Amino acid sequence: MDLKIYVDADSDHRFIRRMERDIKERGRTRESVVDQYLRSVKPMHDLFVETSKRYADIIIPHGGKNSVAINLFISKIESVLANDFSMGSAIIDS
């Protein structure tokens, strides 16, 4: 399956999740997380990740907490799998 998906999450939520994870799981200080975020994480996100959005076939807004978009994506995967399966079974039957 050749499908490009971009999950668009709010930048504040991304930062808060990162800060909570880095402090809790990696033992980092708040200051070190903020410094790394401003120095490298945000500039790299803006340069590489955000710009890749234009190439996505599907953009899921709200950090993946969008049931309509998720259900459309699931339907697309099921459709592709059903078509692949039916084509594969036709080849086997011939």
PDB file of N, CA and C in Angstrom:
ATOM      1  N   MET A   1       0.861  -1.157   0.000  1.00  0.00           N
ATOM      2  CA  MET A   1       0.000   0.000   0.000  1.00  0.00           C
ATOM      3  C   MET A   1       0.915   1.229   0.000  1.00  0.00           C
ATOM      4  N   ASP A   2       0.644   2.137  -0.868  1.00  0.00           N
ATOM      5  CA  ASP A   2       1.426   3.360  -0.984  1.00  0.00           C
ATOM      6  C   ASP A   2       0.537   4.529  -0.590  1.00  0.00           C
ATOM      7  N   LEU A   3       0.483   4.802   0.700  1.00  0.00           N
ATOM      8  CA  LEU A   3      -0.393   5.839   1.220  1.00  0.00           C
ATOM      9  C   LEU A   3       0.389   6.676   2.216  1.00  0.00           C
ATOM     10  N   LYS A   4       0.418   7.974   1.994  1.00  0.00           N
ATOM     11  CA  LYS A   4       1.159   8.875   2.877  1.00  0.00           C
ATOM     12  C   LYS A   4       0.180   9.572   3.814  1.00  0.00           C
ATOM     13  N   ILE A   5       0.403   9.402   5.116  1.00  0.00           N
ATOM     14  CA  ILE A   5      -0.501   9.937   6.126  1.00  0.00           C
ATOM     15  C   ILE A   5       0.251  10.909   7.016  1.00  0.00           C
ATOM     16  N   TYR A   6      -0.353  12.040   7.272  1.00  0.00           N
ATOM     17  CA  TYR A   6       0.223  13.059   8.147  1.00  0.00           C
ATOM     18  C   TYR A   6      -0.738  13.259   9.304  1.00  0.00           C
ATOM     19  N   VAL A   7      -0.274  13.022  10.517  1.00  0.00           N
ATOM     20  CA  VAL A   7      -1.096  13.269  11.704  1.00  0.00           C
ATOM     21  C   VAL A   7      -0.715  14.649  12.219  1.00  0.00           C
ATOM     22  N   ASP A   8      -1.629  15.590  12.106  1.00  0.00           N
ATOM     23  CA  ASP A   8      -1.379  16.987  12.447  1.00  0.00           C
ATOM     24  C   ASP A   8      -1.764  17.221  13.902  1.00  0.00           C
ATOM     25  N   ALA A   9      -0.758  17.420  14.742  1.00  0.00           N
ATOM     26  CA  ALA A   9      -0.987  17.645  16.169  1.00  0.00           C
ATOM     27  C   ALA A   9      -0.626  19.085  16.522  1.00  0.00           C
ATOM     28  N   ASP A  10      -1.360  19.662  17.428  1.00  0.00           N
ATOM     29  CA  ASP A  10      -1.113  21.020  17.881  1.00  0.00           C
ATOM     30  C   ASP A  10       0.292  21.122  18.493  1.00  0.00           C
ATOM     31  N   SER A  11       1.020  22.166  18.150  1.00  0.00           N
ATOM     32  CA  SER A  11       2.400  22.310  18.613  1.00  0.00           C
ATOM     33  C   SER A  11       2.503  22.390  20.137  1.00  0.00           C
ATOM     34  N   ASP A  12       1.546  23.035  20.787  1.00  0.00           N
ATOM     35  CA  ASP A  12       1.570  23.099  22.255  1.00  0.00           C
ATOM     36  C   ASP A  12       1.432  21.705  22.857  1.00  0.00           C
ATOM     37  N   HIS A  13       0.528  20.903  22.306  1.00  0.00           N
ATOM     38  CA  HIS A  13       0.343  19.538  22.815  1.00  0.00           C
ATOM     39  C   HIS A  13       1.588  18.684  22.565  1.00  0.00           C
ATOM     40  N   ARG A  14       2.195  18.835  21.404  1.00  0.00           N
ATOM     41  CA  ARG A  14       3.431  18.084  21.123  1.00  0.00           C
ATOM     42  C   ARG A  14       4.510  18.426  22.143  1.00  0.00           C
ATOM     43  N   PHE A  15       4.656  19.726  22.412  1.00  0.00           N
ATOM     44  CA  PHE A  15       5.683  20.160  23.355  1.00  0.00           C
ATOM     45  C   PHE A  15       5.400  19.650  24.767  1.00  0.00           C
ATOM     46  N   ILE A  16       4.163  19.754  25.210  1.00  0.00           N
ATOM     47  CA  ILE A  16       3.814  19.299  26.558  1.00  0.00           C
ATOM     48  C   ILE A  16       4.052  17.799  26.702  1.00  0.00           C
ATOM     49  N   ARG A  17       3.628  17.000  25.701  1.00  0.00           N
ATOM     50  CA  ARG A  17       3.878  15.547  25.753  1.00  0.00           C
ATOM     51  C   ARG A  17       5.375  15.259  25.834  1.00  0.00           C
ATOM     52  N   ARG A  18       6.151  15.977  25.032  1.00  0.00           N
ATOM     53  CA  ARG A  18       7.598  15.776  25.022  1.00  0.00           C
ATOM     54  C   ARG A  18       8.198  16.133  26.379  1.00  0.00           C
ATOM     55  N   MET A  19       7.786  17.271  26.938  1.00  0.00           N
ATOM     56  CA  MET A  19       8.329  17.692  28.227  1.00  0.00           C
ATOM     57  C   MET A  19       7.989  16.678  29.318  1.00  0.00           C
ATOM     58  N   GLU A  20       6.725  16.259  29.386  1.00  0.00           N
ATOM     59  CA  GLU A  20       6.332  15.280  30.406  1.00  0.00           C
ATOM     60  C   GLU A  20       7.120  13.989  30.256  1.00  0.00           C
ATOM     61  N   ARG A  21       7.256  13.490  29.018  1.00  0.00           N
ATOM     62  CA  ARG A  21       7.992  12.255  28.785  1.00  0.00           C
ATOM     63  C   ARG A  21       9.461  12.390  29.156  1.00  0.00           C
ATOM     64  N   ASP A  22      10.107  13.463  28.699  1.00  0.00           N
ATOM     65  CA  ASP A  22      11.544  13.614  28.942  1.00  0.00           C
ATOM     66  C   ASP A  22      11.863  13.788  30.421  1.00  0.00           C
ATOM     67  N   ILE A  23      11.014  14.483  31.151  1.00  0.00           N
ATOM     68  CA  ILE A  23      11.245  14.652  32.584  1.00  0.00           C
ATOM     69  C   ILE A  23      10.991  13.347  33.323  1.00  0.00           C
ATOM     70  N   LYS A  24       9.868  12.703  33.025  1.00  0.00           N
ATOM     71  CA  LYS A  24       9.479  11.484  33.741  1.00  0.00           C
ATOM     72  C   LYS A  24      10.338  10.280  33.358  1.00  0.00           C
ATOM     73  N   GLU A  25      10.482  10.021  32.059  1.00  0.00           N
ATOM     74  CA  GLU A  25      11.134   8.794  31.615  1.00  0.00           C
ATOM     75  C   GLU A  25      12.638   8.938  31.402  1.00  0.00           C
ATOM     76  N   ARG A  26      13.110  10.145  31.183  1.00  0.00           N
ATOM     77  CA  ARG A  26      14.528  10.326  30.857  1.00  0.00           C
ATOM     78  C   ARG A  26      15.278  11.125  31.911  1.00  0.00           C
ATOM     79  N   GLY A  27      14.561  11.558  32.953  1.00  0.00           N
ATOM     80  CA  GLY A  27      15.204  12.258  34.061  1.00  0.00           C
ATOM     81  C   GLY A  27      15.795  13.604  33.699  1.00  0.00           C
ATOM     82  N   ARG A  28      15.269  14.249  32.685  1.00  0.00           N
ATOM     83  CA  ARG A  28      15.798  15.535  32.257  1.00  0.00           C
ATOM     84  C   ARG A  28      15.151  16.668  33.030  1.00  0.00           C
ATOM     85  N   THR A  29      15.798  17.810  33.018  1.00  0.00           N
ATOM     86  CA  THR A  29      15.227  18.991  33.673  1.00  0.00           C
ATOM     87  C   THR A  29      14.334  19.733  32.692  1.00  0.00           C
ATOM     88  N   ARG A  30      13.447  20.549  33.243  1.00  0.00           N
ATOM     89  CA  ARG A  30      12.570  21.364  32.415  1.00  0.00           C
ATOM     90  C   ARG A  30      13.399  22.272  31.507  1.00  0.00           C
ATOM     91  N   GLU A  31      14.446  22.864  32.077  1.00  0.00           N
ATOM     92  CA  GLU A  31      15.294  23.779  31.318  1.00  0.00           C
ATOM     93  C   GLU A  31      15.968  23.076  30.138  1.00  0.00           C
ATOM     94  N   SER A  32      16.447  21.839  30.352  1.00  0.00           N
ATOM     95  CA  SER A  32      17.133  21.138  29.260  1.00  0.00           C
ATOM     96  C   SER A  32      16.157  20.750  28.146  1.00  0.00           C
ATOM     97  N   VAL A  33      14.930  20.414  28.527  1.00  0.00           N
ATOM     98  CA  VAL A  33      13.915  20.067  27.524  1.00  0.00           C
ATOM     99  C   VAL A  33      13.569  21.299  26.696  1.00  0.00           C
ATOM    100  N   VAL A  34      13.349  22.427  27.356  1.00  0.00           N
ATOM    101  CA  VAL A  34      13.008  23.669  26.653  1.00  0.00           C
ATOM    102  C   VAL A  34      14.155  24.083  25.740  1.00  0.00           C
ATOM    103  N   ASP A  35      15.390  24.011  26.246  1.00  0.00           N
ATOM    104  CA  ASP A  35      16.555  24.393  25.448  1.00  0.00           C
ATOM    105  C   ASP A  35      16.676  23.519  24.195  1.00  0.00           C
ATOM    106  N   GLN A  36      16.563  22.211  24.363  1.00  0.00           N
ATOM    107  CA  GLN A  36      16.665  21.315  23.207  1.00  0.00           C
ATOM    108  C   GLN A  36      15.523  21.559  22.224  1.00  0.00           C
ATOM    109  N   TYR A  37      14.329  21.777  22.744  1.00  0.00           N
ATOM    110  CA  TYR A  37      13.176  22.019  21.882  1.00  0.00           C
ATOM    111  C   TYR A  37      13.397  23.261  21.023  1.00  0.00           C
ATOM    112  N   LEU A  38      13.816  24.346  21.653  1.00  0.00           N
ATOM    113  CA  LEU A  38      14.001  25.602  20.919  1.00  0.00           C
ATOM    114  C   LEU A  38      15.205  25.560  19.980  1.00  0.00           C
ATOM    115  N   ARG A  39      16.255  24.852  20.403  1.00  0.00           N
ATOM    116  CA  ARG A  39      17.484  24.793  19.623  1.00  0.00           C
ATOM    117  C   ARG A  39      17.403  23.857  18.435  1.00  0.00           C
ATOM    118  N   SER A  40      16.761  22.690  18.623  1.00  0.00           N
ATOM    119  CA  SER A  40      16.786  21.720  17.518  1.00  0.00           C
ATOM    120  C   SER A  40      15.437  21.111  17.155  1.00  0.00           C
ATOM    121  N   VAL A  41      14.624  20.753  18.127  1.00  0.00           N
ATOM    122  CA  VAL A  41      13.377  20.042  17.824  1.00  0.00           C
ATOM    123  C   VAL A  41      12.430  20.895  16.979  1.00  0.00           C
ATOM    124  N   LYS A  42      12.123  22.100  17.424  1.00  0.00           N
ATOM    125  CA  LYS A  42      11.186  22.949  16.680  1.00  0.00           C
ATOM    126  C   LYS A  42      11.723  23.351  15.310  1.00  0.00           C
ATOM    127  N   PRO A  43      12.979  23.807  15.206  1.00  0.00           N
ATOM    128  CA  PRO A  43      13.483  24.140  13.864  1.00  0.00           C
ATOM    129  C   PRO A  43      13.475  22.951  12.903  1.00  0.00           C
ATOM    130  N   MET A  44      13.814  21.757  13.386  1.00  0.00           N
ATOM    131  CA  MET A  44      13.810  20.570  12.518  1.00  0.00           C
ATOM    132  C   MET A  44      12.389  20.174  12.138  1.00  0.00           C
ATOM    133  N   HIS A  45      11.465  20.320  13.082  1.00  0.00           N
ATOM    134  CA  HIS A  45      10.055  20.035  12.776  1.00  0.00           C
ATOM    135  C   HIS A  45       9.570  20.979  11.675  1.00  0.00           C
ATOM    136  N   ASP A  46       9.851  22.264  11.852  1.00  0.00           N
ATOM    137  CA  ASP A  46       9.410  23.252  10.863  1.00  0.00           C
ATOM    138  C   ASP A  46      10.031  23.001   9.492  1.00  0.00           C
ATOM    139  N   LEU A  47      11.290  22.604   9.475  1.00  0.00           N
ATOM    140  CA  LEU A  47      12.015  22.418   8.225  1.00  0.00           C
ATOM    141  C   LEU A  47      11.654  21.122   7.507  1.00  0.00           C
ATOM    142  N   PHE A  48      11.497  20.034   8.250  1.00  0.00           N
ATOM    143  CA  PHE A  48      11.309  18.731   7.615  1.00  0.00           C
ATOM    144  C   PHE A  48       9.916  18.130   7.776  1.00  0.00           C
ATOM    145  N   VAL A  49       9.394  18.144   8.984  1.00  0.00           N
ATOM    146  CA  VAL A  49       8.117  17.465   9.244  1.00  0.00           C
ATOM    147  C   VAL A  49       6.943  18.271   8.703  1.00  0.00           C
ATOM    148  N   GLU A  50       6.861  19.523   9.090  1.00  0.00           N
ATOM    149  CA  GLU A  50       5.730  20.366   8.677  1.00  0.00           C
ATOM    150  C   GLU A  50       5.659  20.490   7.153  1.00  0.00           C
ATOM    151  N   THR A  51       6.796  20.597   6.508  1.00  0.00           N
ATOM    152  CA  THR A  51       6.800  20.745   5.050  1.00  0.00           C
ATOM    153  C   THR A  51       6.373  19.469   4.330  1.00  0.00           C
ATOM    154  N   SER A  52       6.470  18.329   5.007  1.00  0.00           N
ATOM    155  CA  SER A  52       6.064  17.064   4.369  1.00  0.00           C
ATOM    156  C   SER A  52       4.544  16.938   4.276  1.00  0.00           C
ATOM    157  N   LYS A  53       3.824  17.778   5.003  1.00  0.00           N
ATOM    158  CA  LYS A  53       2.359  17.726   5.008  1.00  0.00           C
ATOM    159  C   LYS A  53       1.792  17.861   3.590  1.00  0.00           C
ATOM    160  N   ARG A  54       2.420  18.670   2.773  1.00  0.00           N
ATOM    161  CA  ARG A  54       1.881  18.926   1.420  1.00  0.00           C
ATOM    162  C   ARG A  54       1.908  17.684   0.540  1.00  0.00           C
ATOM    163  N   TYR A  55       2.706  16.679   0.905  1.00  0.00           N
ATOM    164  CA  TYR A  55       2.802  15.455   0.114  1.00  0.00           C
ATOM    165  C   TYR A  55       1.887  14.348   0.623  1.00  0.00           C
ATOM    166  N   ALA A  56       1.178  14.598   1.703  1.00  0.00           N
ATOM    167  CA  ALA A  56       0.328  13.571   2.313  1.00  0.00           C
ATOM    168  C   ALA A  56      -0.919  13.329   1.472  1.00  0.00           C
ATOM    169  N   ASP A  57      -1.304  12.061   1.419  1.00  0.00           N
ATOM    170  CA  ASP A  57      -2.571  11.707   0.780  1.00  0.00           C
ATOM    171  C   ASP A  57      -3.734  11.964   1.733  1.00  0.00           C
ATOM    172  N   ILE A  58      -3.478  11.746   3.017  1.00  0.00           N
ATOM    173  CA  ILE A  58      -4.496  11.957   4.056  1.00  0.00           C
ATOM    174  C   ILE A  58      -3.855  12.755   5.183  1.00  0.00           C
ATOM    175  N   ILE A  59      -4.540  13.794   5.642  1.00  0.00           N
ATOM    176  CA  ILE A  59      -4.105  14.554   6.808  1.00  0.00           C
ATOM    177  C   ILE A  59      -5.138  14.339   7.902  1.00  0.00           C
ATOM    178  N   ILE A  60      -4.675  13.824   9.027  1.00  0.00           N
ATOM    179  CA  ILE A  60      -5.563  13.582  10.163  1.00  0.00           C
ATOM    180  C   ILE A  60      -5.344  14.707  11.168  1.00  0.00           C
ATOM    181  N   PRO A  61      -6.322  15.607  11.309  1.00  0.00           N
ATOM    182  CA  PRO A  61      -6.152  16.735  12.231  1.00  0.00           C
ATOM    183  C   PRO A  61      -6.406  16.343  13.684  1.00  0.00           C
ATOM    184  N   HIS A  62      -6.035  17.238  14.554  1.00  0.00           N
ATOM    185  CA  HIS A  62      -6.276  17.109  16.002  1.00  0.00           C
ATOM    186  C   HIS A  62      -5.468  15.982  16.625  1.00  0.00           C
ATOM    187  N   GLY A  63      -4.255  15.767  16.133  1.00  0.00           N
ATOM    188  CA  GLY A  63      -3.372  14.777  16.746  1.00  0.00           C
ATOM    189  C   GLY A  63      -3.908  13.371  16.725  1.00  0.00           C
ATOM    190  N   GLY A  64      -4.720  13.059  15.760  1.00  0.00           N
ATOM    191  CA  GLY A  64      -5.273  11.717  15.669  1.00  0.00           C
ATOM    192  C   GLY A  64      -6.533  11.525  16.488  1.00  0.00           C
ATOM    193  N   LYS A  65      -6.971  12.553  17.190  1.00  0.00           N
ATOM    194  CA  LYS A  65      -8.206  12.447  17.984  1.00  0.00           C
ATOM    195  C   LYS A  65      -9.371  12.990  17.179  1.00  0.00           C
ATOM    196  N   ASN A  66      -9.529  12.415  16.006  1.00  0.00           N
ATOM    197  CA  ASN A  66     -10.570  12.847  15.080  1.00  0.00           C
ATOM    198  C   ASN A  66     -11.206  11.578  14.530  1.00  0.00           C
ATOM    199  N   SER A  67     -12.307  11.183  15.117  1.00  0.00           N
ATOM    200  CA  SER A  67     -12.911   9.896  14.772  1.00  0.00           C
ATOM    201  C   SER A  67     -13.372   9.823  13.316  1.00  0.00           C
ATOM    202  N   VAL A  68     -13.794  10.942  12.745  1.00  0.00           N
ATOM    203  CA  VAL A  68     -14.229  10.924  11.343  1.00  0.00           C
ATOM    204  C   VAL A  68     -13.044  10.606  10.443  1.00  0.00           C
ATOM    205  N   ALA A  69     -11.927  11.300  10.654  1.00  0.00           N
ATOM    206  CA  ALA A  69     -10.738  11.066   9.834  1.00  0.00           C
ATOM    207  C   ALA A  69     -10.194   9.651  10.044  1.00  0.00           C
ATOM    208  N   ILE A  70     -10.166   9.187  11.273  1.00  0.00           N
ATOM    209  CA  ILE A  70      -9.678   7.839  11.571  1.00  0.00           C
ATOM    210  C   ILE A  70     -10.563   6.795  10.891  1.00  0.00           C
ATOM    211  N   ASN A  71     -11.885   6.975  10.962  1.00  0.00           N
ATOM    212  CA  ASN A  71     -12.791   6.017  10.324  1.00  0.00           C
ATOM    213  C   ASN A  71     -12.636   6.006   8.810  1.00  0.00           C
ATOM    214  N   LEU A  72     -12.415   7.170   8.202  1.00  0.00           N
ATOM    215  CA  LEU A  72     -12.157   7.213   6.759  1.00  0.00           C
ATOM    216  C   LEU A  72     -10.872   6.467   6.417  1.00  0.00           C
ATOM    217  N   PHE A  73      -9.859   6.660   7.232  1.00  0.00           N
ATOM    218  CA  PHE A  73      -8.583   5.971   7.030  1.00  0.00           C
ATOM    219  C   PHE A  73      -8.751   4.459   7.162  1.00  0.00           C
ATOM    220  N   ILE A  74      -9.462   4.022   8.164  1.00  0.00           N
ATOM    221  CA  ILE A  74      -9.719   2.589   8.364  1.00  0.00           C
ATOM    222  C   ILE A  74     -10.477   2.019   7.163  1.00  0.00           C
ATOM    223  N   SER A  75     -11.472   2.744   6.684  1.00  0.00           N
ATOM    224  CA  SER A  75     -12.229   2.287   5.508  1.00  0.00           C
ATOM    225  C   SER A  75     -11.321   2.152   4.292  1.00  0.00           C
ATOM    226  N   LYS A  76     -10.420   3.093   4.115  1.00  0.00           N
ATOM    227  CA  LYS A  76      -9.486   3.032   2.988  1.00  0.00           C
ATOM    228  C   LYS A  76      -8.582   1.804   3.098  1.00  0.00           C
ATOM    229  N   ILE A  77      -8.046   1.536   4.261  1.00  0.00           N
ATOM    230  CA  ILE A  77      -7.184   0.365   4.459  1.00  0.00           C
ATOM    231  C   ILE A  77      -7.973  -0.914   4.200  1.00  0.00           C
ATOM    232  N   GLU A  78      -9.183  -0.997   4.744  1.00  0.00           N
ATOM    233  CA  GLU A  78     -10.007  -2.186   4.528  1.00  0.00           C
ATOM    234  C   GLU A  78     -10.301  -2.388   3.046  1.00  0.00           C
ATOM    235  N   SER A  79     -10.561  -1.305   2.328  1.00  0.00           N
ATOM    236  CA  SER A  79     -10.826  -1.380   0.894  1.00  0.00           C
ATOM    237  C   SER A  79      -9.604  -1.886   0.129  1.00  0.00           C
ATOM    238  N   VAL A  80      -8.447  -1.343   0.451  1.00  0.00           N
ATOM    239  CA  VAL A  80      -7.210  -1.782  -0.214  1.00  0.00           C
ATOM    240  C   VAL A  80      -6.944  -3.249   0.086  1.00  0.00           C
ATOM    241  N   LEU A  81      -7.094  -3.639   1.333  1.00  0.00           N
ATOM    242  CA  LEU A  81      -6.862  -5.038   1.705  1.00  0.00           C
ATOM    243  C   LEU A  81      -7.863  -5.966   1.025  1.00  0.00           C
ATOM    244  N   ALA A  82      -9.122  -5.553   0.951  1.00  0.00           N
ATOM    245  CA  ALA A  82     -10.146  -6.380   0.300  1.00  0.00           C
ATOM    246  C   ALA A  82      -9.836  -6.532  -1.183  1.00  0.00           C
ATOM    247  N   ASN A  83      -9.409  -5.452  -1.836  1.00  0.00           N
ATOM    248  CA  ASN A  83      -9.061  -5.523  -3.252  1.00  0.00           C
ATOM    249  C   ASN A  83      -7.830  -6.395  -3.481  1.00  0.00           C
ATOM    250  N   ASP A  84      -6.830  -6.239  -2.623  1.00  0.00           N
ATOM    251  CA  ASP A  84      -5.624  -7.071  -2.743  1.00  0.00           C
ATOM    252  C   ASP A  84      -5.964  -8.536  -2.537  1.00  0.00           C
ATOM    253  N   PHE A  85      -6.817  -8.816  -1.558  1.00  0.00           N
ATOM    254  CA  PHE A  85      -7.197 -10.198  -1.277  1.00  0.00           C
ATOM    255  C   PHE A  85      -7.983 -10.789  -2.442  1.00  0.00           C
ATOM    256  N   SER A  86      -8.930 -10.026  -2.963  1.00  0.00           N
ATOM    257  CA  SER A  86      -9.749 -10.562  -4.057  1.00  0.00           C
ATOM    258  C   SER A  86      -8.910 -10.744  -5.316  1.00  0.00           C
ATOM    259  N   MET A  87      -7.963  -9.867  -5.562  1.00  0.00           N
ATOM    260  CA  MET A  87      -7.088 -10.032  -6.729  1.00  0.00           C
ATOM    261  C   MET A  87      -6.167 -11.237  -6.544  1.00  0.00           C
ATOM    262  N   GLY A  88      -5.689 -11.407  -5.307  1.00  0.00           N
ATOM    263  CA  GLY A  88      -4.826 -12.554  -5.026  1.00  0.00           C
ATOM    264  C   GLY A  88      -5.563 -13.863  -5.159  1.00  0.00           C
ATOM    265  N   SER A  89      -6.805 -13.915  -4.698  1.00  0.00           N
ATOM    266  CA  SER A  89      -7.573 -15.153  -4.798  1.00  0.00           C
ATOM    267  C   SER A  89      -7.935 -15.437  -6.242  1.00  0.00           C
ATOM    268  N   ALA A  90      -8.142 -14.393  -7.062  1.00  0.00           N
ATOM    269  CA  ALA A  90      -8.440 -14.608  -8.476  1.00  0.00           C
ATOM    270  C   ALA A  90      -7.240 -15.203  -9.201  1.00  0.00           C
ATOM    271  N   ILE A  91      -6.063 -14.748  -8.823  1.00  0.00           N
ATOM    272  CA  ILE A  91      -4.845 -15.265  -9.444  1.00  0.00           C
ATOM    273  C   ILE A  91      -4.660 -16.733  -9.076  1.00  0.00           C
ATOM    274  N   ILE A  92      -4.914 -17.064  -7.827  1.00  0.00           N
ATOM    275  CA  ILE A  92      -4.768 -18.450  -7.364  1.00  0.00           C
ATOM    276  C   ILE A  92      -5.787 -19.342  -8.052  1.00  0.00           C
ATOM    277  N   ASP A  93      -7.034 -18.854  -8.214  1.00  0.00           N
ATOM    278  CA  ASP A  93      -8.089 -19.657  -8.807  1.00  0.00           C
ATOM    279  C   ASP A  93      -7.874 -19.900 -10.310  1.00  0.00           C
ATOM    280  N   SER A  94      -7.137 -19.020 -11.003  1.00  0.00           N
ATOM    281  CA  SER A  94      -7.002 -19.164 -12.448  1.00  0.00           C
ATOM    282  C   SER A  94      -6.031 -20.241 -12.847  1.00  0.00           C
TER     283      SER A  94
END
